[in-house]
């Protein structure tokens, strides 16, 4: 009886050892799958949704939209630098827009959160409006290292270009303006008639005033639309990958990424389970085979 229990225990241990031995094989398959996925994934964060992409790390080939294609371009550029270089990059970009008249740059928004000595990551961002021909020069400068910084320490983590076709809105404003012009002309014709009564003249004057206000609103809408077509909007986000300092900075950085870390860990566990699932029948078959061999060996021992 004890021999039988020892053999059963040996069988269970053999099956467990076999399962453990096969786990690295499944894990290797999981790793190969991850590597294959990483090779298939694009190595750039750039999302270009326009006929011409916005190359954040280099010059942008710009082309003035034709009359048939009234596109408004919006660019976004994310730059990652060391914490102490966030401020210099921000100041250079802001002064570039203000001092270089050749760029014809308009600074729309600028803000910083340097938090010197604090635990959070320094950051800055600014938004400018540029003519088509100035976008390449501006982006080339803001993506180069400042004085004292190595170019290899600057990373363009992401760049994106989006466009909006404003052809239909421009056509609508033009048609609306023509209708208002025609209505205003008819009101003036009525106002100039000799047989128009005084109370009618008052009503016509009020209507002319209201129509003129609508014309001015339409003209302002059209001016803004044409400005968006004639220029491009560029947003620059300057960030630091590491916290600027503080004894609890590493803990806070990990805590901010807790959701991503948990999600990545859960995804790895799920991937491992899926990769190991096909090996389960093989482990079961091998365990049955070992059991059959041990039974035959035991019978031979008993017969002997």
Protein backbone atom coordinates (compact mmCIF):
# COMPACT_ATOMS: atom_id res chain seq x y z
CA UNK A 1 0.00 0.00 0.00
CA UNK A 2 2.83 2.36 0.84
CA UNK A 3 4.58 1.49 -2.41
CA UNK A 4 1.40 2.32 -4.29
CA UNK A 5 1.10 5.69 -2.56
CA UNK A 6 4.74 6.42 -3.29
CA UNK A 7 4.23 5.58 -6.96
CA UNK A 8 1.10 7.78 -7.13
CA UNK A 9 3.03 10.59 -5.49
CA UNK A 10 5.86 10.09 -7.95
CA UNK A 11 3.36 10.22 -10.82
CA UNK A 12 1.89 13.48 -9.58
CA UNK A 13 5.34 14.96 -9.10
CA UNK A 14 6.34 13.86 -12.60
CA UNK A 15 3.26 15.47 -14.12
CA UNK A 16 3.89 18.68 -12.17
CA UNK A 17 7.54 18.73 -13.26
CA UNK A 18 6.48 18.18 -16.87
CA UNK A 19 3.96 21.00 -16.66
CA UNK A 20 6.56 23.32 -15.19
CA UNK A 21 9.03 22.28 -17.89
CA UNK A 22 6.50 23.14 -20.61
CA UNK A 23 5.65 26.54 -19.15
CA UNK A 24 8.85 28.19 -20.46
CA UNK A 25 7.96 26.91 -23.92
CA UNK A 26 4.57 28.62 -23.70
CA UNK A 27 6.19 31.72 -22.25
CA UNK A 28 8.70 31.75 -25.12
CA UNK A 29 5.82 31.56 -27.57
CA UNK A 30 4.20 34.47 -25.76
CA UNK A 31 7.41 36.46 -25.99
CA UNK A 32 7.70 35.67 -29.70
CA UNK A 33 4.13 36.87 -30.16
CA UNK A 34 4.90 40.11 -28.34
CA UNK A 35 7.98 40.67 -30.47
CA UNK A 36 6.02 39.98 -33.63
CA UNK A 37 3.36 42.47 -32.57
CA UNK A 38 5.98 45.06 -31.73
CA UNK A 39 7.55 44.60 -35.15
CA UNK A 40 4.16 45.08 -36.79
CA UNK A 41 3.28 48.17 -34.77
CA UNK A 42 4.36 51.46 -36.33
CA UNK A 43 7.43 52.93 -34.71
CA UNK A 44 6.16 56.49 -34.92
CA UNK A 45 3.39 58.27 -33.06
CA UNK A 46 2.71 60.54 -36.00
CA UNK A 47 -0.91 60.66 -37.17
CA UNK A 48 -1.29 62.40 -40.48
CA UNK A 49 -4.87 63.00 -41.56
CA UNK A 50 -4.05 65.50 -44.24
CA UNK A 51 -2.82 65.28 -47.85
CA UNK A 52 0.55 66.53 -46.56
CA UNK A 53 1.85 65.30 -43.19
CA UNK A 54 3.23 67.51 -40.45
CA UNK A 55 6.80 66.40 -39.84
CA UNK A 56 7.49 67.59 -36.33
CA UNK A 57 11.17 66.65 -36.38
CA UNK A 58 11.99 68.37 -39.66
CA UNK A 59 10.87 70.87 -42.26
CA UNK A 60 7.28 70.78 -43.38
CA UNK A 61 6.56 70.92 -47.07
CA UNK A 62 3.72 73.39 -47.27
CA UNK A 63 1.49 74.31 -50.17
CA UNK A 64 -1.09 77.05 -50.28
CA UNK A 65 -4.57 75.54 -50.66
CA UNK A 66 -6.19 76.13 -54.02
CA UNK A 67 -9.55 77.82 -54.50
CA UNK A 68 -11.14 74.39 -54.99
CA UNK A 69 -9.71 73.05 -51.73
CA UNK A 70 -10.23 75.41 -48.81
CA UNK A 71 -8.41 73.51 -46.07
CA UNK A 72 -7.67 74.72 -42.54
CA UNK A 73 -4.58 72.99 -41.13
CA UNK A 74 -4.03 72.32 -37.43
CA UNK A 75 -0.72 70.90 -36.20
CA UNK A 76 0.19 69.48 -32.78
CA UNK A 77 3.74 68.75 -31.69
CA UNK A 78 4.88 67.04 -28.46
CA UNK A 79 8.51 67.58 -27.38
CA UNK A 80 10.13 65.72 -24.48
CA UNK A 81 13.26 67.21 -22.88
CA UNK A 82 15.06 67.08 -19.55
CA UNK A 83 13.25 69.01 -16.78
CA UNK A 84 15.77 71.88 -16.71
CA UNK A 85 15.36 72.52 -20.46
CA UNK A 86 11.58 73.00 -20.46
CA UNK A 87 11.82 76.69 -19.56
CA UNK A 88 14.54 77.56 -22.13
CA UNK A 89 12.62 75.81 -24.91
CA UNK A 90 9.44 77.67 -24.01
CA UNK A 91 11.16 81.06 -23.85
CA UNK A 92 12.90 80.51 -27.18
CA UNK A 93 9.68 79.54 -28.96
CA UNK A 94 7.81 82.50 -27.48
CA UNK A 95 10.55 85.03 -28.30
CA UNK A 96 10.89 83.55 -31.80
CA UNK A 97 7.26 84.31 -32.51
CA UNK A 98 7.57 87.83 -31.11
CA UNK A 99 10.94 88.87 -32.55
CA UNK A 100 11.21 87.25 -35.99
CA UNK A 101 9.12 89.48 -38.24
CA UNK A 102 9.77 87.28 -41.27
CA UNK A 103 7.68 84.49 -39.76
CA UNK A 104 4.60 86.75 -39.38
CA UNK A 105 3.77 84.70 -36.30
CA UNK A 106 0.80 85.45 -34.05
CA UNK A 107 1.04 84.13 -30.49
CA UNK A 108 -2.42 82.99 -29.42
CA UNK A 109 -1.70 81.24 -26.12
CA UNK A 110 1.29 80.51 -23.88
CA UNK A 111 1.47 78.92 -20.44
CA UNK A 112 4.04 77.16 -18.24
CA UNK A 113 4.08 74.96 -15.17
CA UNK A 114 7.75 74.71 -14.31
CA UNK A 115 7.20 73.90 -10.61
CA UNK A 116 10.87 74.40 -9.76
CA UNK A 117 11.91 71.96 -7.05
CA UNK A 118 8.50 70.32 -6.86
CA UNK A 119 7.64 66.69 -7.49
CA UNK A 120 5.52 67.14 -10.61
CA UNK A 121 6.86 67.20 -14.14
CA UNK A 122 7.62 70.63 -15.60
CA UNK A 123 5.63 71.42 -18.73
CA UNK A 124 4.84 74.28 -21.07
CA UNK A 125 2.73 74.83 -24.15
CA UNK A 126 2.07 77.54 -26.67
CA UNK A 127 -0.17 78.00 -29.67
CA UNK A 128 0.67 80.16 -32.67
CA UNK A 129 -0.84 81.00 -36.04
CA UNK A 130 1.52 81.09 -39.00
CA UNK A 131 1.36 81.60 -42.78
CA UNK A 132 1.81 78.44 -44.81
CA UNK A 133 5.37 79.29 -45.74
CA UNK A 134 6.51 79.85 -42.14
CA UNK A 135 5.40 76.56 -40.59
CA UNK A 136 8.47 74.61 -41.70
CA UNK A 137 10.93 77.22 -40.40
CA UNK A 138 9.15 77.54 -37.06
CA UNK A 139 8.91 73.78 -36.41
CA UNK A 140 12.53 73.25 -37.42
CA UNK A 141 13.70 75.75 -34.81
CA UNK A 142 11.49 74.54 -31.94
CA UNK A 143 12.63 70.93 -32.48
CA UNK A 144 16.35 71.74 -32.23
CA UNK A 145 18.33 71.77 -29.00
CA UNK A 146 18.80 75.01 -27.08
CA UNK A 147 22.23 76.29 -26.12
CA UNK A 148 23.96 73.80 -23.80
CA UNK A 149 21.60 70.94 -24.61
CA UNK A 150 22.47 67.88 -26.69
CA UNK A 151 20.26 67.25 -29.69
CA UNK A 152 20.05 63.57 -28.71
CA UNK A 153 18.37 64.58 -25.43
CA UNK A 154 15.42 66.11 -27.31
CA UNK A 155 12.71 63.70 -28.43
CA UNK A 156 9.73 64.50 -30.64
CA UNK A 157 7.39 62.00 -29.02
CA UNK A 158 4.41 62.69 -31.23
CA UNK A 159 3.24 64.92 -34.04
CA UNK A 160 -0.17 65.19 -35.64
CA UNK A 161 -1.78 67.08 -38.48
CA UNK A 162 -5.50 67.55 -38.94
CA UNK A 163 -7.39 69.44 -41.59
CA UNK A 164 -10.88 70.77 -42.01
CA UNK A 165 -12.42 71.54 -45.38
CA UNK A 166 -13.94 75.02 -45.15
CA UNK A 167 -15.07 75.19 -48.77
CA UNK A 168 -18.75 74.70 -47.94
CA UNK A 169 -18.84 77.22 -45.03
CA UNK A 170 -17.15 79.83 -47.23
CA UNK A 171 -19.64 79.19 -50.02
CA UNK A 172 -22.52 79.50 -47.54
CA UNK A 173 -21.28 82.85 -46.23
CA UNK A 174 -20.84 84.13 -49.79
CA UNK A 175 -24.38 83.10 -50.75
CA UNK A 176 -25.80 84.59 -47.55
CA UNK A 177 -23.96 87.86 -48.17
CA UNK A 178 -25.37 88.07 -51.70
CA UNK A 179 -28.88 87.53 -50.38
CA UNK A 180 -28.46 90.25 -47.77
CA UNK A 181 -27.02 92.65 -50.35
CA UNK A 182 -30.02 92.06 -52.61
CA UNK A 183 -32.42 92.57 -49.69
CA UNK A 184 -30.66 95.76 -48.62
CA UNK A 185 -30.82 97.14 -52.17
CA UNK A 186 -34.55 96.49 -52.36
CA UNK A 187 -35.04 98.22 -49.01
CA UNK A 188 -33.12 101.25 -50.25
CA UNK A 189 -35.23 101.31 -53.41
CA UNK A 190 -38.38 101.38 -51.28
CA UNK A 191 -36.88 104.07 -49.08
CA UNK A 192 -36.19 106.24 -52.10
CA UNK A 193 -39.72 106.18 -53.46
CA UNK A 194 -41.60 109.42 -53.18
CA UNK A 195 -44.89 107.83 -52.18
CA UNK A 196 -43.47 105.97 -49.15
CA UNK A 197 -45.28 106.93 -45.96
CA UNK A 198 -43.46 108.15 -42.86
CA UNK A 199 -44.32 105.09 -40.75
CA UNK A 200 -43.07 102.85 -43.56
CA UNK A 201 -39.85 104.84 -43.70
CA UNK A 202 -39.29 104.15 -40.00
CA UNK A 203 -39.83 100.42 -40.52
CA UNK A 204 -37.53 100.41 -43.54
CA UNK A 205 -34.83 102.23 -41.59
CA UNK A 206 -35.04 99.68 -38.77
CA UNK A 207 -34.89 96.83 -41.26
CA UNK A 208 -31.92 98.40 -43.01
CA UNK A 209 -30.10 98.69 -39.69
CA UNK A 210 -30.82 95.06 -38.85
CA UNK A 211 -29.73 93.92 -42.31
CA UNK A 212 -26.51 95.92 -42.05
CA UNK A 213 -25.73 94.22 -38.73
CA UNK A 214 -26.27 90.82 -40.31
CA UNK A 215 -23.98 91.77 -43.20
CA UNK A 216 -21.24 92.78 -40.77
CA UNK A 217 -21.62 89.48 -38.89
CA UNK A 218 -21.39 87.53 -42.14
CA UNK A 219 -18.31 89.51 -43.18
CA UNK A 220 -16.65 88.75 -39.83
CA UNK A 221 -17.44 85.04 -40.16
CA UNK A 222 -16.00 85.00 -43.66
CA UNK A 223 -12.88 86.89 -42.53
CA UNK A 224 -12.21 84.32 -39.80
CA UNK A 225 -12.76 81.42 -42.20
CA UNK A 226 -10.41 82.94 -44.76
CA UNK A 227 -7.82 83.53 -42.03
CA UNK A 228 -7.95 79.84 -41.13
CA UNK A 229 -7.45 78.92 -44.78
CA UNK A 230 -4.61 81.40 -45.35
CA UNK A 231 -2.74 80.42 -42.15
CA UNK A 232 -2.04 77.31 -40.08
CA UNK A 233 -2.49 76.71 -36.37
CA UNK A 234 0.50 75.14 -34.57
CA UNK A 235 0.35 73.91 -30.95
CA UNK A 236 3.62 72.98 -29.23
CA UNK A 237 3.62 70.94 -26.01
CA UNK A 238 6.93 70.79 -24.13
CA UNK A 239 7.16 68.11 -21.45
CA UNK A 240 9.78 66.40 -19.31
CA UNK A 241 9.90 62.63 -19.05
CA UNK A 242 11.25 62.57 -15.50
CA UNK A 243 10.11 64.52 -12.40
CA UNK A 244 12.17 67.57 -11.50
CA UNK A 245 13.04 66.32 -8.01
CA UNK A 246 11.83 65.46 -4.51
CA UNK A 247 12.26 62.26 -2.44
CA UNK A 248 8.76 61.01 -3.31
CA UNK A 249 9.02 61.87 -7.00
CA UNK A 250 9.59 58.27 -8.21
CA UNK A 251 6.62 57.02 -6.19
CA UNK A 252 4.36 59.77 -7.52
CA UNK A 253 5.49 59.08 -11.08
CA UNK A 254 4.61 55.38 -10.73
CA UNK A 255 1.29 56.26 -9.07
CA UNK A 256 0.35 58.52 -11.97
CA UNK A 257 1.01 55.60 -14.29
CA UNK A 258 -0.77 53.07 -12.07
CA UNK A 259 -3.69 52.56 -14.44
CA UNK A 260 -1.38 51.96 -17.40
CA UNK A 261 0.81 49.59 -15.37
CA UNK A 262 -2.19 47.56 -14.15
CA UNK A 263 -3.59 47.41 -17.66
CA UNK A 264 -0.27 46.28 -19.13
CA UNK A 265 0.14 43.63 -16.42
CA UNK A 266 -3.39 42.30 -16.96
CA UNK A 267 -2.80 42.20 -20.70
CA UNK A 268 0.44 40.26 -20.19
CA UNK A 269 -1.32 37.75 -17.92
CA UNK A 270 -4.15 37.29 -20.43
CA UNK A 271 -1.69 36.86 -23.28
CA UNK A 272 0.25 34.25 -21.29
CA UNK A 273 -2.96 32.34 -20.48
CA UNK A 274 -4.02 32.33 -24.14
CA UNK A 275 -0.57 31.23 -25.29
CA UNK A 276 -0.43 28.46 -22.66
CA UNK A 277 -3.96 27.14 -23.41
CA UNK A 278 -2.95 25.00 -26.47
CA UNK A 279 -0.36 23.20 -24.32
CA UNK A 280 -2.94 21.98 -21.79
CA UNK A 281 -4.09 18.93 -23.83
CA UNK A 282 -0.46 17.96 -24.45
CA UNK A 283 0.31 18.08 -20.73
CA UNK A 284 -2.78 15.95 -20.04
CA UNK A 285 -1.80 13.37 -22.68
CA UNK A 286 1.77 13.15 -21.40
CA UNK A 287 0.48 12.73 -17.83
CA UNK A 288 -1.77 9.84 -18.95
CA UNK A 289 1.15 8.31 -20.80
CA UNK A 290 3.35 8.51 -17.71
CA UNK A 291 0.59 6.94 -15.64
CA UNK A 292 0.23 4.07 -18.11
CA UNK A 293 4.02 3.49 -18.12
CA UNK A 294 4.16 3.50 -14.33
CA UNK A 295 1.25 1.06 -14.12
CA UNK A 296 3.01 -1.33 -16.51
CA UNK A 297 6.21 -1.01 -14.57
CA UNK A 298 4.38 -1.73 -11.32
CA UNK A 299 2.69 -4.83 -12.74
CA UNK A 300 6.00 -6.18 -13.95
CA UNK A 301 7.45 -5.65 -10.50
CA UNK A 302 4.52 -7.46 -8.89
CA UNK A 303 4.76 -10.38 -11.34
CA UNK A 304 8.46 -10.67 -10.64
